[in-house]
Amino acid sequence: MIQRERREPSPGLGGDPRGLLYVGEGAIRARLSAHAEQALVREHRQGRVFAVARLECSWVRDPAWPSFQRLKLETDLIAAHVLELGTAPCGQFLG
């Protein structure tokens, strides 16, 4: 699952407008619901990131992929983001 905002980053997000907010793997619906709930809590570190005006989300799903393979893909996507933009997605490691 990849999330990015559709407009220029808000001041304080420190992101490149081409950058992603978050890369994840796992239960897609549950993860998106959790991020939507976090966006309502301005004190939550990820909530401030996910509270942008409009988000886009993309995902690829294959139930045949084992967990370790999904984690490898997630790690590779984060690494590609770092190589291209010099930083991890701005909501990635805020937990």
N, C-alpha and C. Protein backbone atom coordinates (compact mmCIF):
# COMPACT_ATOMS: atom_id res chain seq x y z
N MET A 1 0.85 -1.16 0.00
CA MET A 1 0.00 0.00 0.00
C MET A 1 0.90 1.23 0.00
N ILE A 2 0.58 2.17 -0.86
CA ILE A 2 1.34 3.41 -0.95
C ILE A 2 0.37 4.56 -0.83
N GLN A 3 0.67 5.52 0.03
CA GLN A 3 -0.18 6.69 0.19
C GLN A 3 0.62 7.93 -0.14
N ARG A 4 -0.01 8.83 -0.86
CA ARG A 4 0.61 10.13 -1.14
C ARG A 4 -0.47 11.18 -1.16
N GLU A 5 -0.09 12.41 -0.90
CA GLU A 5 -1.07 13.48 -0.97
C GLU A 5 -1.14 14.02 -2.38
N ARG A 6 -2.29 14.60 -2.73
CA ARG A 6 -2.52 15.08 -4.07
C ARG A 6 -2.10 16.53 -4.29
N ARG A 7 -1.70 17.22 -3.26
CA ARG A 7 -1.32 18.63 -3.40
C ARG A 7 0.06 18.85 -2.81
N GLU A 8 0.53 20.09 -2.87
CA GLU A 8 1.82 20.42 -2.28
C GLU A 8 1.80 20.08 -0.79
N PRO A 9 2.91 19.64 -0.24
CA PRO A 9 2.93 19.32 1.19
C PRO A 9 2.62 20.55 2.04
N SER A 10 1.97 20.33 3.15
CA SER A 10 1.70 21.41 4.09
C SER A 10 3.00 21.84 4.74
N PRO A 11 3.10 23.11 5.13
CA PRO A 11 4.31 23.55 5.84
C PRO A 11 4.54 22.67 7.06
N GLY A 12 5.77 22.29 7.27
CA GLY A 12 6.10 21.47 8.43
C GLY A 12 6.15 19.99 8.13
N LEU A 13 5.62 19.55 6.99
CA LEU A 13 5.72 18.14 6.66
C LEU A 13 7.12 17.80 6.16
N GLY A 14 7.79 18.79 5.58
CA GLY A 14 9.16 18.57 5.16
C GLY A 14 9.30 17.61 4.01
N GLY A 15 8.27 17.40 3.24
CA GLY A 15 8.33 16.45 2.15
C GLY A 15 8.48 17.10 0.80
N ASP A 16 8.97 16.35 -0.12
CA ASP A 16 9.04 16.75 -1.51
C ASP A 16 7.65 16.52 -2.09
N PRO A 17 7.13 17.45 -2.92
CA PRO A 17 5.78 17.24 -3.47
C PRO A 17 5.66 15.95 -4.28
N ARG A 18 6.78 15.41 -4.73
CA ARG A 18 6.75 14.13 -5.45
C ARG A 18 6.77 12.95 -4.49
N GLY A 19 7.05 13.22 -3.22
CA GLY A 19 7.27 12.17 -2.25
C GLY A 19 6.00 11.49 -1.76
N LEU A 20 6.20 10.35 -1.17
CA LEU A 20 5.11 9.57 -0.59
C LEU A 20 4.95 9.92 0.88
N LEU A 21 3.77 9.63 1.41
CA LEU A 21 3.54 9.80 2.84
C LEU A 21 3.90 8.52 3.59
N TYR A 22 3.59 7.37 2.98
CA TYR A 22 3.71 6.12 3.72
C TYR A 22 3.74 4.95 2.75
N VAL A 23 4.54 3.95 3.07
CA VAL A 23 4.56 2.67 2.35
C VAL A 23 4.32 1.59 3.39
N GLY A 24 3.38 0.69 3.13
CA GLY A 24 3.09 -0.35 4.12
C GLY A 24 2.71 -1.66 3.45
N GLU A 25 2.56 -2.68 4.27
CA GLU A 25 2.11 -3.98 3.80
C GLU A 25 1.21 -4.58 4.86
N GLY A 26 0.39 -5.51 4.46
CA GLY A 26 -0.48 -6.17 5.42
C GLY A 26 -1.94 -6.04 5.05
N ALA A 27 -2.78 -5.95 6.05
CA ALA A 27 -4.24 -5.87 5.87
C ALA A 27 -4.60 -4.46 5.38
N ILE A 28 -4.87 -4.33 4.10
CA ILE A 28 -5.04 -3.03 3.46
C ILE A 28 -6.19 -2.24 4.09
N ARG A 29 -7.35 -2.82 4.17
CA ARG A 29 -8.51 -2.09 4.71
C ARG A 29 -8.28 -1.65 6.15
N ALA A 30 -7.73 -2.54 6.96
CA ALA A 30 -7.48 -2.20 8.37
C ALA A 30 -6.43 -1.09 8.48
N ARG A 31 -5.40 -1.16 7.64
CA ARG A 31 -4.35 -0.14 7.69
C ARG A 31 -4.89 1.22 7.28
N LEU A 32 -5.68 1.26 6.20
CA LEU A 32 -6.26 2.54 5.76
C LEU A 32 -7.21 3.10 6.82
N SER A 33 -7.99 2.24 7.45
CA SER A 33 -8.89 2.69 8.51
C SER A 33 -8.10 3.27 9.69
N ALA A 34 -7.01 2.61 10.04
CA ALA A 34 -6.19 3.09 11.15
C ALA A 34 -5.59 4.46 10.82
N HIS A 35 -5.14 4.65 9.60
CA HIS A 35 -4.58 5.94 9.21
C HIS A 35 -5.66 7.02 9.18
N ALA A 36 -6.85 6.68 8.75
CA ALA A 36 -7.96 7.65 8.75
C ALA A 36 -8.29 8.07 10.18
N GLU A 37 -8.27 7.12 11.12
CA GLU A 37 -8.52 7.45 12.52
C GLU A 37 -7.40 8.31 13.09
N GLN A 38 -6.16 8.01 12.73
CA GLN A 38 -5.03 8.81 13.21
C GLN A 38 -5.12 10.25 12.71
N ALA A 39 -5.63 10.42 11.50
CA ALA A 39 -5.74 11.77 10.92
C ALA A 39 -6.67 12.66 11.75
N LEU A 40 -7.55 12.06 12.53
CA LEU A 40 -8.46 12.83 13.37
C LEU A 40 -7.82 13.26 14.69
N VAL A 41 -6.68 12.70 15.01
CA VAL A 41 -5.99 12.99 16.26
C VAL A 41 -4.77 13.84 15.94
N ARG A 42 -4.92 15.15 16.03
CA ARG A 42 -3.83 16.07 15.63
C ARG A 42 -2.58 15.91 16.49
N GLU A 43 -2.73 15.39 17.71
CA GLU A 43 -1.57 15.20 18.57
C GLU A 43 -0.76 13.97 18.15
N HIS A 44 -1.35 13.08 17.38
CA HIS A 44 -0.65 11.88 16.92
C HIS A 44 0.34 12.27 15.83
N ARG A 45 1.57 11.82 15.94
CA ARG A 45 2.60 12.22 14.97
C ARG A 45 2.22 11.86 13.54
N GLN A 46 1.70 10.64 13.33
CA GLN A 46 1.27 10.28 11.97
C GLN A 46 -0.02 10.99 11.62
N GLY A 47 -0.84 11.30 12.61
CA GLY A 47 -2.11 11.99 12.35
C GLY A 47 -1.91 13.31 11.66
N ARG A 48 -0.88 14.04 12.06
CA ARG A 48 -0.60 15.34 11.42
C ARG A 48 -0.24 15.14 9.95
N VAL A 49 0.44 14.05 9.63
CA VAL A 49 0.83 13.78 8.25
C VAL A 49 -0.38 13.33 7.43
N PHE A 50 -1.20 12.45 7.98
CA PHE A 50 -2.33 11.90 7.23
C PHE A 50 -3.53 12.84 7.17
N ALA A 51 -3.47 13.96 7.87
CA ALA A 51 -4.59 14.91 7.88
C ALA A 51 -4.52 15.89 6.71
N VAL A 52 -3.73 15.60 5.69
CA VAL A 52 -3.66 16.48 4.52
C VAL A 52 -5.02 16.48 3.81
N ALA A 53 -5.20 17.44 2.93
CA ALA A 53 -6.50 17.64 2.29
C ALA A 53 -7.03 16.41 1.57
N ARG A 54 -6.20 15.74 0.80
CA ARG A 54 -6.70 14.63 0.00
C ARG A 54 -5.58 13.61 -0.21
N LEU A 55 -5.88 12.35 0.02
CA LEU A 55 -4.89 11.29 -0.14
C LEU A 55 -5.23 10.42 -1.33
N GLU A 56 -4.20 9.87 -1.92
CA GLU A 56 -4.36 8.82 -2.92
C GLU A 56 -3.73 7.57 -2.33
N CYS A 57 -4.27 6.43 -2.68
CA CYS A 57 -3.74 5.17 -2.19
C CYS A 57 -3.68 4.19 -3.35
N SER A 58 -2.58 3.48 -3.45
CA SER A 58 -2.42 2.44 -4.46
C SER A 58 -1.94 1.17 -3.77
N TRP A 59 -2.31 0.03 -4.32
CA TRP A 59 -1.82 -1.22 -3.74
C TRP A 59 -1.81 -2.31 -4.78
N VAL A 60 -1.01 -3.32 -4.47
CA VAL A 60 -0.94 -4.55 -5.25
C VAL A 60 -1.18 -5.65 -4.26
N ARG A 61 -2.04 -6.58 -4.62
CA ARG A 61 -2.40 -7.65 -3.69
C ARG A 61 -2.25 -8.99 -4.39
N ASP A 62 -1.56 -9.89 -3.73
CA ASP A 62 -1.44 -11.27 -4.22
C ASP A 62 -1.38 -12.18 -3.01
N PRO A 63 -2.47 -12.86 -2.72
CA PRO A 63 -2.51 -13.72 -1.53
C PRO A 63 -1.44 -14.82 -1.54
N ALA A 64 -0.86 -15.08 -2.69
CA ALA A 64 0.17 -16.12 -2.77
C ALA A 64 1.52 -15.64 -2.24
N TRP A 65 1.70 -14.32 -2.08
CA TRP A 65 2.98 -13.82 -1.58
C TRP A 65 3.12 -14.11 -0.10
N PRO A 66 4.19 -14.75 0.30
CA PRO A 66 4.41 -14.98 1.74
C PRO A 66 4.77 -13.66 2.44
N SER A 67 4.61 -13.64 3.74
CA SER A 67 4.85 -12.44 4.55
C SER A 67 6.25 -11.87 4.33
N PHE A 68 7.27 -12.73 4.29
CA PHE A 68 8.63 -12.22 4.13
C PHE A 68 8.83 -11.53 2.79
N GLN A 69 8.11 -11.99 1.77
CA GLN A 69 8.23 -11.37 0.45
C GLN A 69 7.57 -9.98 0.44
N ARG A 70 6.41 -9.86 1.12
CA ARG A 70 5.76 -8.55 1.23
C ARG A 70 6.64 -7.56 1.98
N LEU A 71 7.28 -8.02 3.06
CA LEU A 71 8.17 -7.15 3.82
C LEU A 71 9.36 -6.70 2.97
N LYS A 72 9.87 -7.61 2.15
CA LYS A 72 10.98 -7.25 1.27
C LYS A 72 10.55 -6.19 0.26
N LEU A 73 9.37 -6.35 -0.31
CA LEU A 73 8.87 -5.35 -1.26
C LEU A 73 8.68 -3.99 -0.59
N GLU A 74 8.13 -4.00 0.62
CA GLU A 74 7.96 -2.75 1.37
C GLU A 74 9.30 -2.07 1.60
N THR A 75 10.28 -2.84 2.04
CA THR A 75 11.61 -2.30 2.29
C THR A 75 12.23 -1.75 1.01
N ASP A 76 12.08 -2.46 -0.09
CA ASP A 76 12.63 -2.00 -1.37
C ASP A 76 11.97 -0.70 -1.82
N LEU A 77 10.67 -0.56 -1.62
CA LEU A 77 9.98 0.68 -2.00
C LEU A 77 10.44 1.87 -1.15
N ILE A 78 10.62 1.64 0.13
CA ILE A 78 11.11 2.72 1.00
C ILE A 78 12.53 3.09 0.58
N ALA A 79 13.37 2.09 0.30
CA ALA A 79 14.75 2.36 -0.13
C ALA A 79 14.78 3.14 -1.45
N ALA A 80 13.91 2.78 -2.38
CA ALA A 80 13.86 3.50 -3.66
C ALA A 80 13.47 4.97 -3.44
N HIS A 81 12.55 5.20 -2.51
CA HIS A 81 12.14 6.56 -2.16
C HIS A 81 13.33 7.34 -1.61
N VAL A 82 14.09 6.71 -0.71
CA VAL A 82 15.26 7.36 -0.12
C VAL A 82 16.30 7.66 -1.20
N LEU A 83 16.54 6.72 -2.09
CA LEU A 83 17.53 6.94 -3.15
C LEU A 83 17.11 8.08 -4.08
N GLU A 84 15.82 8.16 -4.39
CA GLU A 84 15.34 9.17 -5.32
C GLU A 84 15.23 10.56 -4.68
N LEU A 85 14.71 10.61 -3.44
CA LEU A 85 14.41 11.91 -2.83
C LEU A 85 15.28 12.26 -1.62
N GLY A 86 16.10 11.31 -1.19
CA GLY A 86 17.00 11.60 -0.08
C GLY A 86 16.41 11.43 1.30
N THR A 87 15.17 10.95 1.38
CA THR A 87 14.52 10.78 2.68
C THR A 87 13.43 9.71 2.57
N ALA A 88 13.10 9.13 3.70
CA ALA A 88 11.98 8.18 3.75
C ALA A 88 10.66 8.94 3.60
N PRO A 89 9.58 8.26 3.21
CA PRO A 89 8.28 8.92 3.19
C PRO A 89 8.03 9.61 4.54
N CYS A 90 7.46 10.81 4.51
CA CYS A 90 7.40 11.66 5.71
C CYS A 90 6.56 11.09 6.85
N GLY A 91 5.67 10.14 6.60
CA GLY A 91 4.90 9.54 7.67
C GLY A 91 5.36 8.14 8.02
N GLN A 92 6.49 7.72 7.46
CA GLN A 92 6.89 6.32 7.54
C GLN A 92 7.26 5.84 8.94
N PHE A 93 8.11 6.53 9.60
CA PHE A 93 8.66 6.01 10.86
C PHE A 93 8.21 6.83 12.07
N LEU A 94 6.98 7.31 12.02
CA LEU A 94 6.46 8.13 13.12
C LEU A 94 5.66 7.34 14.12
N GLY A 95 5.19 6.12 13.71
CA GLY A 95 4.44 5.21 14.56
C GLY A 95 3.43 5.85 15.35
